[in-house]
Protein backbone atom coordinates (compact mmCIF):
# COMPACT_ATOMS: atom_id res chain seq x y z
CA MET A 1 -30.35 14.30 -17.84
CA SER A 2 -31.51 15.50 -14.41
CA LYS A 3 -31.43 19.24 -13.90
CA LYS A 4 -28.70 19.10 -11.23
CA LEU A 5 -26.51 16.84 -13.38
CA ASP A 6 -27.16 19.05 -16.40
CA GLU A 7 -25.98 22.14 -14.47
CA LYS A 8 -22.86 20.28 -13.36
CA TYR A 9 -22.25 19.06 -16.91
CA GLN A 10 -22.64 22.55 -18.37
CA SER A 11 -20.12 23.95 -15.88
CA MET A 12 -17.44 21.50 -17.10
CA ASP A 13 -14.88 22.06 -19.82
CA GLU A 14 -14.88 19.84 -22.90
CA LYS A 15 -12.40 17.31 -21.49
CA GLN A 16 -14.35 16.97 -18.23
CA GLN A 17 -17.59 16.47 -20.17
CA LYS A 18 -15.97 13.72 -22.24
CA LEU A 19 -14.66 12.03 -19.10
CA LEU A 20 -18.11 12.11 -17.49
CA LYS A 21 -19.58 10.46 -20.60
CA ILE A 22 -16.84 7.81 -20.61
CA ARG A 23 -17.50 6.91 -16.99
CA HIS A 24 -21.26 6.97 -17.30
CA THR A 25 -21.03 4.68 -20.34
CA ALA A 26 -18.55 2.39 -18.54
CA GLU A 27 -21.07 2.02 -15.72
CA HIS A 28 -23.57 0.66 -18.29
CA VAL A 29 -20.91 -1.67 -19.67
CA LEU A 30 -20.35 -2.97 -16.12
CA HIS A 31 -23.96 -3.85 -15.43
CA THR A 32 -24.35 -5.33 -18.92
CA ALA A 33 -21.36 -7.59 -18.26
CA MET A 34 -22.73 -8.49 -14.83
CA GLN A 35 -26.08 -9.49 -16.33
CA LYS A 36 -24.26 -11.79 -18.75
CA LEU A 37 -22.25 -13.44 -15.96
CA TYR A 38 -24.95 -13.43 -13.26
CA PRO A 39 -28.32 -13.68 -15.07
CA SER A 40 -30.43 -13.80 -11.89
CA LEU A 41 -29.19 -10.45 -10.52
CA LYS A 42 -31.35 -7.35 -10.18
CA LYS A 43 -29.90 -3.98 -11.18
CA ALA A 44 -30.43 -1.23 -8.62
CA MET A 45 -28.66 1.99 -9.54
CA GLY A 46 -25.26 3.54 -10.08
CA PRO A 47 -23.93 6.91 -11.19
CA ALA A 48 -20.80 8.28 -12.69
CA THR A 49 -18.78 10.06 -9.99
CA ASP A 50 -15.91 12.55 -9.84
CA ASP A 51 -13.50 9.60 -9.60
CA GLY A 52 -15.17 6.96 -11.74
CA PHE A 53 -18.44 5.10 -11.32
CA TYR A 54 -20.21 2.48 -9.25
CA PHE A 55 -23.27 0.28 -9.52
CA ASP A 56 -25.40 -1.48 -6.91
CA PHE A 57 -26.69 -5.00 -7.53
CA GLU A 58 -28.97 -7.41 -5.74
CA LEU A 59 -27.04 -10.69 -6.08
CA SER A 60 -27.43 -14.20 -4.72
CA ASP A 61 -23.72 -14.80 -5.48
CA LYS A 62 -20.97 -13.32 -3.30
CA ILE A 63 -18.68 -11.12 -5.39
CA THR A 64 -15.07 -10.43 -4.39
CA GLU A 65 -12.17 -8.71 -6.10
CA ALA A 66 -11.05 -12.18 -7.22
CA ASP A 67 -14.01 -12.08 -9.62
CA PHE A 68 -12.90 -8.81 -11.23
CA PRO A 69 -10.69 -10.32 -13.99
CA ALA A 70 -13.65 -12.30 -15.37
CA ILE A 71 -15.95 -9.28 -15.18
CA GLU A 72 -13.33 -7.02 -16.82
CA LYS A 73 -12.83 -9.59 -19.59
CA GLU A 74 -16.56 -9.50 -20.35
CA MET A 75 -16.52 -5.68 -20.22
CA ALA A 76 -13.62 -5.63 -22.71
CA ARG A 77 -15.61 -7.90 -25.05
CA ILE A 78 -18.59 -5.53 -24.89
CA ILE A 79 -16.40 -2.49 -25.55
CA LYS A 80 -14.93 -4.20 -28.65
CA SER A 81 -18.46 -4.88 -29.92
CA SER A 82 -18.83 -1.18 -30.87
CA ALA A 83 -22.36 -1.15 -29.47
CA LYS A 84 -24.17 2.18 -29.69
CA MET A 85 -25.80 3.99 -26.79
CA VAL A 86 -29.32 4.87 -28.01
CA ARG A 87 -31.63 7.11 -25.97
CA ARG A 88 -35.34 6.26 -25.82
CA GLU A 89 -38.04 8.56 -24.41
CA ILE A 90 -40.79 6.59 -22.64
CA ASP A 91 -43.77 7.28 -20.41
CA ALA A 92 -44.30 5.86 -16.92
CA ASP A 93 -46.64 3.08 -18.08
CA GLU A 94 -44.16 1.80 -20.65
CA ALA A 95 -41.31 2.08 -18.13
CA LYS A 96 -43.25 -0.04 -15.65
CA LYS A 97 -43.80 -2.70 -18.30
CA THR A 98 -40.13 -2.66 -19.24
CA PHE A 99 -38.90 -2.99 -15.65
CA ALA A 100 -41.84 -4.90 -14.16
CA ASP A 101 -39.59 -7.56 -12.60
CA ASN A 102 -37.23 -5.04 -10.96
CA PRO A 103 -38.52 -3.37 -7.75
CA TYR A 104 -35.62 -0.89 -7.71
CA LYS A 105 -36.38 0.44 -11.18
CA MET A 106 -40.11 0.53 -10.38
CA GLU A 107 -39.36 2.72 -7.36
CA TRP A 108 -37.27 5.07 -9.52
CA VAL A 109 -40.04 5.28 -12.11
CA ASP A 110 -42.57 6.27 -9.45
CA GLU A 111 -40.24 8.89 -7.95
CA ILE A 112 -39.38 10.46 -11.31
CA ALA A 113 -43.03 10.49 -12.37
CA LYS A 114 -44.03 12.05 -9.03
CA ARG A 115 -41.55 14.88 -9.65
CA GLY A 116 -43.11 15.45 -13.05
CA GLU A 117 -39.84 14.79 -14.86
CA SER A 118 -39.54 12.98 -18.19
CA LEU A 119 -38.44 9.35 -18.36
CA SER A 120 -35.83 7.90 -20.67
CA THR A 121 -33.78 4.75 -21.11
CA TYR A 122 -30.53 4.00 -22.89
CA GLN A 123 -30.32 0.91 -25.02
CA MET A 124 -26.96 -0.68 -25.75
CA THR A 125 -27.40 -1.70 -29.40
CA LEU A 126 -25.03 -3.88 -31.47
CA PRO A 127 -24.23 -2.96 -35.10
CA ASP A 128 -26.74 -5.62 -36.26
CA GLY A 129 -29.51 -3.87 -34.28
CA LYS A 130 -29.67 -6.34 -31.39
CA VAL A 131 -30.31 -4.67 -28.02
CA ILE A 132 -28.11 -6.26 -25.34
CA ASP A 133 -29.09 -3.95 -22.48
CA GLU A 134 -31.62 -1.31 -21.55
CA ASP A 135 -31.59 0.74 -18.38
CA LEU A 136 -33.49 3.66 -16.94
CA CYS A 137 -31.13 6.61 -17.37
CA SER A 138 -31.03 10.29 -18.32
CA GLY A 139 -27.45 10.33 -19.67
CA PRO A 140 -25.15 11.76 -20.88
CA HIS A 141 -23.29 8.97 -22.71
CA LEU A 142 -20.79 8.35 -25.47
CA ASP A 143 -22.26 7.53 -28.87
CA SER A 144 -20.47 4.15 -28.77
CA VAL A 145 -18.95 2.01 -26.03
CA SER A 146 -15.86 1.64 -28.24
CA GLU A 147 -14.86 5.21 -27.29
CA ILE A 148 -13.99 4.04 -23.75
CA GLY A 149 -10.20 4.11 -23.72
CA ALA A 150 -9.39 2.22 -20.51
CA VAL A 151 -11.49 0.81 -17.69
CA LYS A 152 -10.72 -0.90 -14.38
CA LEU A 153 -12.74 -2.24 -11.46
CA LEU A 154 -11.42 -1.07 -8.12
CA SER A 155 -13.32 -2.49 -5.17
CA VAL A 156 -16.50 -4.11 -3.93
CA ALA A 157 -18.53 -3.25 -0.85
CA GLY A 158 -21.91 -3.66 0.74
CA ALA A 159 -24.35 -0.76 0.42
CA TYR A 160 -27.86 -0.37 1.76
CA TRP A 161 -30.47 0.69 -0.76
CA HIS A 162 -30.75 4.49 -0.39
CA GLY A 163 -28.09 4.26 2.35
CA ASP A 164 -30.73 3.17 4.85
CA GLU A 165 -29.91 0.17 7.06
CA LYS A 166 -33.62 -0.71 7.15
CA ASN A 167 -33.37 -1.54 3.45
CA LYS A 168 -31.78 -4.51 1.72
CA MET A 169 -27.99 -4.78 1.62
CA LEU A 170 -26.78 -4.64 -1.98
CA THR A 171 -23.42 -5.35 -3.61
CA ARG A 172 -21.68 -2.17 -4.82
CA ILE A 173 -18.90 -2.47 -7.39
CA TYR A 174 -16.63 0.54 -7.89
CA GLY A 175 -14.63 1.24 -11.03
CA THR A 176 -13.09 3.98 -13.09
CA ALA A 177 -12.47 4.77 -16.74
CA PHE A 178 -10.30 7.14 -18.79
CA GLU A 179 -9.60 8.11 -22.37
CA THR A 180 -6.16 6.48 -22.29
CA GLN A 181 -4.37 3.63 -20.52
CA GLU A 182 -1.67 6.08 -19.40
CA GLU A 183 -4.24 8.20 -17.53
CA LEU A 184 -5.71 5.07 -15.94
CA ASP A 185 -2.27 3.82 -14.82
CA LYS A 186 -1.52 7.18 -13.22
CA TYR A 187 -4.86 7.13 -11.41
CA VAL A 188 -4.36 3.56 -10.16
CA SER A 189 -0.97 4.59 -8.79
CA LEU A 190 -2.68 7.41 -6.87
CA ILE A 191 -5.28 4.96 -5.58
CA GLU A 192 -2.55 2.70 -4.22
CA GLU A 193 -0.95 5.68 -2.51
CA ALA A 194 -4.34 6.69 -1.10
CA LYS A 195 -4.76 3.22 0.41
CA LYS A 196 -1.46 3.65 2.23
CA ARG A 197 -2.68 7.02 3.50
CA ASP A 198 -6.20 5.88 4.48
CA HIS A 199 -6.94 7.79 7.68
CA ARG A 200 -8.75 4.84 9.24
CA LYS A 201 -5.65 2.67 8.81
CA LEU A 202 -3.27 5.40 9.99
CA GLY A 203 -5.55 6.38 12.87
CA LYS A 204 -5.31 2.85 14.24
CA GLU A 205 -1.57 2.45 13.59
CA LEU A 206 -0.74 5.78 15.22
CA ASP A 207 -3.27 5.28 18.05
CA LEU A 208 -5.20 8.49 17.30
CA PHE A 209 -8.86 7.45 17.38
CA SER A 210 -11.17 4.45 17.41
CA PHE A 211 -14.82 3.48 17.19
CA SER A 212 -16.81 1.21 19.51
CA ASP A 213 -19.99 -0.71 18.77
CA LEU A 214 -21.03 -0.09 22.38
CA VAL A 215 -20.68 3.67 21.94
CA GLY A 216 -22.31 3.62 18.49
CA SER A 217 -21.34 4.02 14.86
CA GLY A 218 -20.24 7.48 13.82
CA PHE A 219 -19.09 8.53 17.30
CA PRO A 220 -15.27 8.72 17.34
CA LEU A 221 -13.23 8.16 20.49
CA TYR A 222 -9.94 10.07 20.60
CA SER A 223 -6.84 8.57 22.19
CA PRO A 224 -4.44 11.03 23.88
CA LYS A 225 -2.44 11.67 20.70
CA GLY A 226 -5.55 12.15 18.57
CA ALA A 227 -7.12 14.41 21.17
CA PHE A 228 -3.92 16.48 21.17
CA ILE A 229 -4.02 16.98 17.39
CA ARG A 230 -7.71 17.86 17.48
CA ARG A 231 -7.17 20.37 20.31
CA THR A 232 -4.09 21.86 18.60
CA LEU A 233 -6.02 22.46 15.39
CA ASN A 234 -8.76 24.26 17.29
CA ASP A 235 -6.24 26.27 19.34
CA PHE A 236 -4.43 27.30 16.15
CA VAL A 237 -7.63 28.75 14.69
CA GLU A 238 -8.78 30.22 17.98
CA LYS A 239 -5.51 32.11 18.58
CA MET A 240 -5.70 33.67 15.14
CA GLN A 241 -9.32 34.62 15.77
CA PHE A 242 -8.54 36.09 19.19
CA ASP A 243 -5.77 38.22 17.67
CA GLU A 244 -8.32 39.65 15.23
CA GLY A 245 -10.88 40.54 17.89
CA TYR A 246 -13.10 37.45 17.86
CA THR A 247 -14.49 36.22 21.19
CA GLN A 248 -15.30 32.62 22.07
CA VAL A 249 -18.65 31.58 23.51
CA TRP A 250 -19.96 28.21 24.67
CA THR A 251 -23.46 26.93 24.06
CA PRO A 252 -25.32 23.77 25.15
CA GLN A 253 -25.64 20.67 23.01
CA VAL A 254 -29.44 20.55 23.46
CA ALA A 255 -32.11 23.06 22.55
CA LYS A 256 -35.89 23.21 22.31
CA ALA A 257 -37.57 22.54 19.00
CA ASP A 258 -38.93 26.11 19.08
CA LEU A 259 -35.42 27.45 18.45
CA PHE A 260 -35.07 25.40 15.27
CA LYS A 261 -38.62 26.17 14.18
CA THR A 262 -37.80 29.87 14.30
CA SER A 263 -34.50 29.46 12.45
CA GLY A 264 -36.10 27.28 9.77
CA HIS A 265 -33.97 24.22 10.49
CA TYR A 266 -36.94 22.30 11.91
CA ASP A 267 -38.74 22.26 8.56
CA LYS A 268 -35.66 22.01 6.37
CA TYR A 269 -33.35 19.80 8.45
CA LYS A 270 -35.39 17.85 11.01
CA ASP A 271 -34.72 14.42 9.48
CA SER A 272 -31.00 14.90 10.14
CA MET A 273 -31.41 15.91 13.79
CA PHE A 274 -31.31 13.73 16.91
CA ARG A 275 -34.46 14.08 19.02
CA VAL A 276 -33.88 14.29 22.80
CA VAL A 277 -36.40 12.92 25.32
CA SER A 278 -36.76 14.32 28.83
CA ASN A 279 -37.94 12.23 31.79
CA PHE A 280 -39.66 15.25 33.33
CA SER A 281 -40.89 17.41 30.48
CA ASP A 282 -42.96 16.96 27.35
CA GLU A 283 -40.97 19.62 25.51
CA GLU A 284 -39.66 18.58 22.11
CA MET A 285 -35.88 18.99 22.09
CA PHE A 286 -32.98 18.18 19.79
CA LEU A 287 -29.22 17.79 19.92
CA LYS A 288 -28.01 20.78 18.00
CA PRO A 289 -26.70 20.15 14.47
CA MET A 290 -25.27 23.67 14.11
CA ASN A 291 -24.39 26.66 16.31
CA CYS A 292 -26.04 29.57 14.51
CA PRO A 293 -29.53 29.45 16.10
CA GLN A 294 -28.12 29.54 19.64
CA HIS A 295 -25.76 32.37 18.74
CA THR A 296 -28.74 34.50 17.77
CA GLN A 297 -29.92 34.19 21.36
CA ILE A 298 -26.62 35.47 22.73
CA TYR A 299 -27.07 38.50 20.49
CA ALA A 300 -30.71 38.86 21.59
CA ALA A 301 -29.81 38.72 25.29
CA GLN A 302 -28.88 42.43 25.34
CA ALA A 303 -29.92 45.63 23.64
CA ARG A 304 -27.43 46.42 20.88
CA SER A 305 -26.30 49.73 19.42
CA TYR A 306 -24.58 50.42 16.11
CA ARG A 307 -21.50 51.13 18.23
CA ASP A 308 -21.51 47.52 19.54
CA LEU A 309 -21.10 46.06 16.07
CA PRO A 310 -19.48 43.98 14.75
CA LEU A 311 -20.05 41.29 17.36
CA ARG A 312 -17.88 38.28 16.49
CA LEU A 313 -18.78 35.04 18.28
CA THR A 314 -16.79 31.82 17.87
CA ASP A 315 -17.84 28.42 19.17
CA PHE A 316 -16.13 25.01 19.21
CA ALA A 317 -19.03 23.20 20.90
CA MET A 318 -19.96 19.68 19.81
CA LEU A 319 -22.60 19.18 17.10
CA TYR A 320 -24.64 16.10 16.22
CA ARG A 321 -26.27 14.99 12.99
CA ASP A 322 -28.23 11.81 12.43
CA GLU A 323 -26.37 10.50 9.40
CA LYS A 324 -27.50 7.26 7.76
CA PRO A 325 -25.32 4.33 8.90
CA GLY A 326 -24.47 3.40 5.32
CA GLU A 327 -23.03 6.88 4.72
CA LEU A 328 -20.72 6.99 7.75
CA SER A 329 -17.02 6.82 6.89
CA GLY A 330 -14.34 7.10 9.57
CA LEU A 331 -13.76 10.77 10.42
CA ALA A 332 -14.93 11.84 6.95
CA ARG A 333 -18.56 11.60 8.00
CA THR A 334 -19.47 11.22 11.66
CA ARG A 335 -22.50 11.77 13.85
CA ALA A 336 -20.58 13.81 16.44
CA PHE A 337 -18.18 16.60 15.51
CA SER A 338 -17.21 20.18 16.21
CA GLN A 339 -16.73 23.13 13.88
CA ASP A 340 -14.66 26.28 14.13
CA ASP A 341 -17.89 28.22 13.80
CA CYS A 342 -17.99 31.99 13.84
CA HIS A 343 -21.04 34.20 13.53
CA ILE A 344 -20.52 37.89 13.00
CA PHE A 345 -23.40 40.28 13.63
CA CYS A 346 -22.66 43.53 11.86
CA ARG A 347 -24.05 46.54 10.02
CA GLU A 348 -24.40 46.24 6.27
CA ASP A 349 -21.62 48.79 5.73
CA GLN A 350 -19.26 46.49 7.75
CA VAL A 351 -19.84 43.33 5.70
CA ASP A 352 -17.06 43.88 3.15
CA ALA A 353 -14.35 44.50 5.75
CA GLU A 354 -15.45 41.53 7.88
CA ILE A 355 -15.45 39.13 4.95
CA ASP A 356 -12.13 40.45 3.66
CA MET A 357 -10.64 39.75 7.11
CA ALA A 358 -12.12 36.24 7.14
CA LEU A 359 -10.77 35.51 3.66
CA GLN A 360 -7.28 36.65 4.66
CA MET A 361 -7.35 34.48 7.79
CA THR A 362 -8.45 31.54 5.65
CA LYS A 363 -5.65 32.21 3.17
CA LYS A 364 -3.05 32.17 5.97
CA ILE A 365 -4.36 28.91 7.45
CA MET A 366 -4.57 27.13 4.08
CA GLY A 367 -0.99 28.27 3.38
CA THR A 368 0.14 26.80 6.70
CA PHE A 369 -1.06 23.37 5.59
CA GLY A 370 0.20 23.77 2.04
CA PHE A 371 -3.22 23.50 0.40
CA LYS A 372 -3.96 24.89 -3.02
CA TYR A 373 -7.58 25.94 -3.27
CA LYS A 374 -10.34 27.65 -5.20
CA TYR A 375 -13.82 28.82 -4.25
CA ARG A 376 -17.27 27.68 -5.24
CA LEU A 377 -20.04 30.29 -5.27
CA SER A 378 -22.91 28.16 -4.01
CA THR A 379 -26.16 29.71 -5.20
CA ARG A 380 -29.88 28.84 -5.36
CA ASP A 381 -31.56 26.20 -7.45
CA MET A 382 -33.66 28.64 -9.45
CA GLN A 383 -36.12 25.91 -10.44
CA HIS A 384 -37.01 25.20 -6.80
CA PRO A 385 -37.46 28.54 -4.99
CA GLU A 386 -39.54 26.78 -2.32
CA LYS A 387 -36.30 25.33 -0.90
CA TYR A 388 -35.13 28.76 0.28
CA LEU A 389 -36.20 31.31 2.87
CA GLY A 390 -36.18 35.06 2.37
CA ASP A 391 -36.88 37.64 -0.32
CA PRO A 392 -35.70 36.56 -3.82
CA LYS A 393 -34.62 40.15 -4.49
CA VAL A 394 -32.31 40.01 -1.45
CA TRP A 395 -30.95 36.69 -2.72
CA ASP A 396 -30.25 38.28 -6.11
CA ARG A 397 -28.35 41.11 -4.44
CA VAL A 398 -26.34 38.90 -2.07
CA GLU A 399 -25.33 36.42 -4.80
CA LYS A 400 -24.05 39.32 -6.91
CA TRP A 401 -22.37 40.84 -3.84
CA ALA A 402 -20.50 37.57 -3.21
CA GLU A 403 -19.17 37.64 -6.80
CA VAL A 404 -17.92 41.21 -6.31
CA ILE A 405 -16.21 40.24 -3.02
CA MET A 406 -14.36 37.33 -4.60
CA GLU A 407 -13.34 39.35 -7.65
CA ARG A 408 -12.10 42.18 -5.42
CA ASN A 409 -10.00 39.66 -3.46
CA GLN A 410 -8.73 38.16 -6.75
CA ILE A 411 -10.11 34.74 -5.83
CA GLU A 412 -10.54 32.03 -8.44
CA TYR A 413 -14.09 30.69 -8.21
CA PHE A 414 -16.68 28.68 -10.08
CA GLN A 415 -20.47 28.57 -9.92
CA GLY A 416 -22.29 25.96 -7.81
CA PRO A 417 -26.01 26.26 -8.61
CA GLY A 418 -28.22 24.53 -6.08
CA GLU A 419 -25.47 24.33 -3.41
CA ALA A 420 -26.62 27.31 -1.31
CA ALA A 421 -27.83 26.96 2.28
CA PHE A 422 -31.58 27.43 2.64
CA TYR A 423 -31.02 30.87 4.18
CA ALA A 424 -28.04 32.26 2.22
CA PRO A 425 -25.61 31.74 -0.66
CA LYS A 426 -22.16 30.46 0.30
CA MET A 427 -18.57 31.13 -0.64
CA ASP A 428 -17.15 27.62 -0.17
CA LEU A 429 -13.42 26.92 -0.24
CA ILE A 430 -12.40 23.76 -2.13
CA ALA A 431 -8.89 22.62 -1.12
CA THR A 432 -6.66 20.23 -3.08
CA ASP A 433 -4.57 17.75 -1.08
CA ALA A 434 -1.24 16.06 -1.83
CA LEU A 435 -2.98 13.42 -3.99
CA GLY A 436 -4.89 15.98 -6.04
CA ARG A 437 -8.23 15.26 -4.32
CA GLU A 438 -10.63 18.10 -3.60
CA TRP A 439 -12.29 18.79 -0.24
CA GLN A 440 -14.68 21.51 0.85
CA LEU A 441 -13.31 23.18 3.98
CA SER A 442 -14.14 26.77 4.87
CA THR A 443 -17.26 28.74 4.09
CA VAL A 444 -18.51 32.33 4.30
CA GLN A 445 -22.20 33.22 4.11
CA ILE A 446 -24.04 36.57 4.08
CA ASP A 447 -27.35 35.97 5.87
CA PHE A 448 -30.24 38.45 5.96
CA VAL A 449 -32.82 35.77 6.77
CA MET A 450 -32.03 34.57 10.28
CA PRO A 451 -31.75 38.02 11.93
CA GLU A 452 -35.23 38.83 10.61
CA ARG A 453 -36.75 35.50 11.69
CA PHE A 454 -35.40 35.95 15.22
CA GLY A 455 -36.28 39.66 15.35
CA LEU A 456 -32.68 40.71 16.02
CA VAL A 457 -32.20 44.48 15.97
CA TYR A 458 -29.76 47.22 16.86
CA THR A 459 -30.30 50.93 17.41
CA ASP A 460 -28.77 52.86 14.53
CA GLN A 461 -27.14 56.28 14.70
CA ASP A 462 -30.44 58.01 13.87
CA GLY A 463 -32.30 56.11 16.60
CA SER A 464 -34.07 53.74 14.22
CA GLN A 465 -34.19 49.96 14.74
CA LYS A 466 -32.45 47.87 12.08
CA HIS A 467 -31.70 44.20 11.57
CA PRO A 468 -28.02 43.29 11.66
CA VAL A 469 -26.47 41.17 8.92
CA MET A 470 -25.37 37.73 10.17
CA LEU A 471 -22.17 36.37 8.62
CA HIS A 472 -21.59 32.63 9.00
CA ARG A 473 -17.91 31.66 8.76
CA ALA A 474 -15.82 28.54 9.29
CA ILE A 475 -12.18 28.08 8.27
CA ILE A 476 -11.18 24.46 8.83
CA GLY A 477 -14.82 23.43 9.25
CA SER A 478 -15.16 20.21 11.22
CA ALA A 479 -12.05 19.40 13.28
CA GLU A 480 -12.83 15.71 12.76
CA ARG A 481 -12.97 15.99 8.98
CA MET A 482 -9.90 18.24 8.95
CA MET A 483 -7.98 15.58 10.92
CA MET A 484 -8.96 13.04 8.29
CA ILE A 485 -7.82 15.28 5.46
CA LEU A 486 -4.52 16.15 7.15
CA LEU A 487 -3.81 12.51 8.04
CA GLU A 488 -4.13 11.55 4.39
CA HIS A 489 -2.51 14.75 3.06
CA PHE A 490 0.62 14.19 5.17
CA GLY A 491 0.39 10.38 5.17
CA GLY A 492 0.39 10.47 8.97
CA ALA A 493 3.70 12.39 9.01
CA PHE A 494 2.33 15.57 10.58
CA PRO A 495 4.45 18.71 10.51
CA LEU A 496 6.51 19.24 13.64
CA TRP A 497 4.19 21.79 15.28
CA LEU A 498 1.22 19.42 14.97
CA SER A 499 2.95 16.16 15.91
CA PRO A 500 1.89 14.74 19.30
CA VAL A 501 5.47 13.54 19.86
CA GLN A 502 8.06 15.82 18.28
CA VAL A 503 11.25 14.11 19.40
CA THR A 504 12.12 10.59 20.52
CA ILE A 505 15.40 9.93 22.29
CA LEU A 506 17.13 6.64 21.46
CA PRO A 507 19.91 5.63 23.87
CA ILE A 508 22.20 3.00 22.39
CA SER A 509 22.81 1.24 25.72
CA GLU A 510 22.07 1.32 29.45
CA LYS A 511 25.25 3.36 29.92
CA THR A 512 23.71 6.33 28.09
CA ILE A 513 20.30 6.32 29.86
CA GLY A 514 21.38 8.89 32.45
CA TYR A 515 22.50 11.46 29.86
CA SER A 516 19.40 10.69 27.78
CA GLU A 517 17.20 11.59 30.76
CA GLU A 518 19.05 14.91 31.08
CA VAL A 519 18.34 15.61 27.39
CA LEU A 520 14.67 14.70 27.87
CA LYS A 521 14.36 17.10 30.80
CA LYS A 522 15.95 19.99 28.86
CA LEU A 523 13.70 19.45 25.85
CA LYS A 524 10.58 19.36 27.99
CA GLU A 525 11.67 22.52 29.80
CA LYS A 526 11.71 24.22 26.39
CA GLY A 527 8.21 22.97 25.61
CA ILE A 528 9.33 20.39 23.06
CA ARG A 529 7.15 17.28 23.23
CA SER A 530 9.62 14.45 23.76
CA GLU A 531 9.79 10.83 24.83
CA LEU A 532 12.62 8.50 25.86
CA ASN A 533 12.73 4.96 24.51
CA ARG A 534 14.06 2.86 27.40
CA ASP A 535 13.41 -0.48 25.69
CA ALA A 536 16.26 -2.99 25.48
CA ASP A 537 15.83 -3.29 21.70
CA SER A 538 18.61 -2.81 19.17
CA LEU A 539 19.17 0.69 17.82
CA GLY A 540 17.94 -0.44 14.41
CA LYS A 541 14.63 -1.63 15.82
CA LYS A 542 14.21 1.58 17.83
CA ILE A 543 14.75 3.63 14.66
CA ARG A 544 12.26 1.51 12.69
CA ASN A 545 9.66 1.90 15.44
CA ALA A 546 10.17 5.68 15.52
CA GLU A 547 9.84 5.87 11.72
CA ALA A 548 6.65 3.77 11.88
CA SER A 549 5.28 6.16 14.53
CA LYS A 550 6.06 9.12 12.19
CA VAL A 551 8.05 10.96 14.87
CA PRO A 552 9.72 13.99 13.21
CA TYR A 553 13.10 13.80 15.00
CA MET A 554 15.19 11.05 16.62
CA LEU A 555 18.09 11.85 18.90
CA ILE A 556 20.58 8.97 18.99
CA ILE A 557 22.78 8.93 22.08
CA GLY A 558 25.85 6.73 22.40
CA GLU A 559 28.96 7.01 24.55
CA LYS A 560 30.54 9.40 22.01
CA GLU A 561 27.56 11.77 22.32
CA VAL A 562 27.66 11.57 26.11
CA GLU A 563 31.34 12.48 26.15
CA ALA A 564 30.87 15.42 23.73
CA LYS A 565 27.63 16.57 25.40
CA GLN A 566 25.89 16.35 22.05
CA VAL A 567 23.15 14.38 20.29
CA SER A 568 23.16 12.71 16.85
CA VAL A 569 20.08 13.99 15.01
CA ARG A 570 18.08 11.91 12.58
CA GLN A 571 15.11 13.44 10.79
CA ARG A 572 12.01 11.48 9.81
CA GLY A 573 12.52 9.89 6.40
CA GLN A 574 16.04 8.53 7.14
CA LYS A 575 17.79 11.89 6.91
CA ASP A 576 20.92 12.05 9.09
CA LEU A 577 21.64 15.63 10.23
CA GLY A 578 24.80 14.80 12.20
CA ALA A 579 25.83 15.76 15.72
CA MET A 580 24.59 18.92 17.49
CA THR A 581 24.65 20.44 20.92
CA ILE A 582 21.33 20.34 22.71
CA ALA A 583 21.16 24.14 22.53
CA ASP A 584 21.60 24.12 18.74
CA PHE A 585 18.98 21.41 18.33
CA VAL A 586 16.52 23.28 20.54
CA GLU A 587 17.07 26.46 18.52
CA LYS A 588 16.50 24.61 15.24
CA VAL A 589 13.35 22.83 16.40
CA SER A 590 11.89 25.89 18.14
CA LYS A 591 12.27 27.93 14.95
CA GLU A 592 10.55 25.21 12.92
CA ILE A 593 7.68 25.04 15.41
CA THR A 594 7.22 28.82 15.45
CA GLU A 595 7.21 29.05 11.66
CA LYS A 596 4.82 26.07 11.38
CA SER A 597 6.69 24.86 8.33
CA ASN A 598 5.65 21.69 6.55
């Protein structure tokens, strides 16, 4: 087992460990079945994942979901065979002989040998001793394939080898496995619901965002409604920050390489940065992938005293990262995005209070969206100290300090070895959405490294020069990714305060258009985002269109409503609230908007 996987495995409870083994073993059953059905294929690689497993194949045949029943039938036959999973330790020479006809396995052998790690395979062995499969693998696995309770293939997709479009396109088959059929059925039901909530599908249906081949993959284009949601999310965070004494700055999207060399990002992160070429200068420049290096220069622009601290800088500027094309996925992973970044420069004795404030702000915002969450303490990979900058003794102290902070704030957390940034450990918030899926959102980091590398100082009370502590903090993280999560969390039915259109007015006939326009004007005067459907469609069609557009409220206006100077209110989800005066409706909606209820 690789070190990183072993650490993850050790952090799991017994049930999670069993599930990982089931899925890892099911992945072997998949590629064994595929070899039986498609003898000329070449196996690439495939891991167990948090949701199941996948495997990449080089195939001359085109595989579709229509082929899944035959593949699953062969997998079921293998599972009934009670084959054992037998580990075999081998050296690089023997591994190369075993996988001589497979360039993908040969590449893995070379990489593992180069890292100085041991090599092993797992043989799938029938009760009579016959080996029906052998694959390069470090485990862990079940003792027998018969322990797999239920397995199902889910989808098929193309995937570049190593996610690089310069490499060969492979066929990736996704699946999942559980101890029981009941657990599998429940999961499949969630998958079907997730498909309905897919943000790429909803984004198109609700006209929120799009992508263009002419613009480039990974660069989202926001329609008016999508731009409104994105701006509203940022404004929501920014208002809360302003109320707590944070100040917004704005920094350019381009910076010289020297900035990133000083921060350490050049050496650690350069492959993920876009290089910028000037027509008039030979300077090496990059689109910025993060805000922190430029924020150090705002701090450095003036002499600072202990009285000036804390200095809290927020920034919603655009960021750019050169993600591999095969890893781009709607708004989940883009090449252009913004973050609700904040960098706090403070004295060491101010750190606790600043982080406590940030944690409380985060708690309030997560509560607004209805997210349950926990924290991951992302620490160093102790086996690879070369990956990190700074004094190990300072790292020891800060990692322990982060534990004390979370315990003092009564925060549930778990360890995440190897997940730290190269300059600091992280307190990463993991939120759970309506479908039970987990997403990393906010983060807090205590950084002693960057202030020292940039020579940032302040004059202390005794006249001495000291380095400030730099706290890195984001709450919703990327606005793009947060939009994706919220789209799927709410199924496109955003809460009233976040909906681009809050009310749609549906006149029953031409006779009621005049009064409907009066209602529209009054709603807009009160700041309620409203629209009037003037189409000549039937009322039923107008209601269906409004429901499809996920508009929170519909006001139906017929001759009876005109005469009574009222509106008939229908809430999203086919809930009829009856007749109200416009004043009563405005009061109700305004209260809901103010409270930001879900």
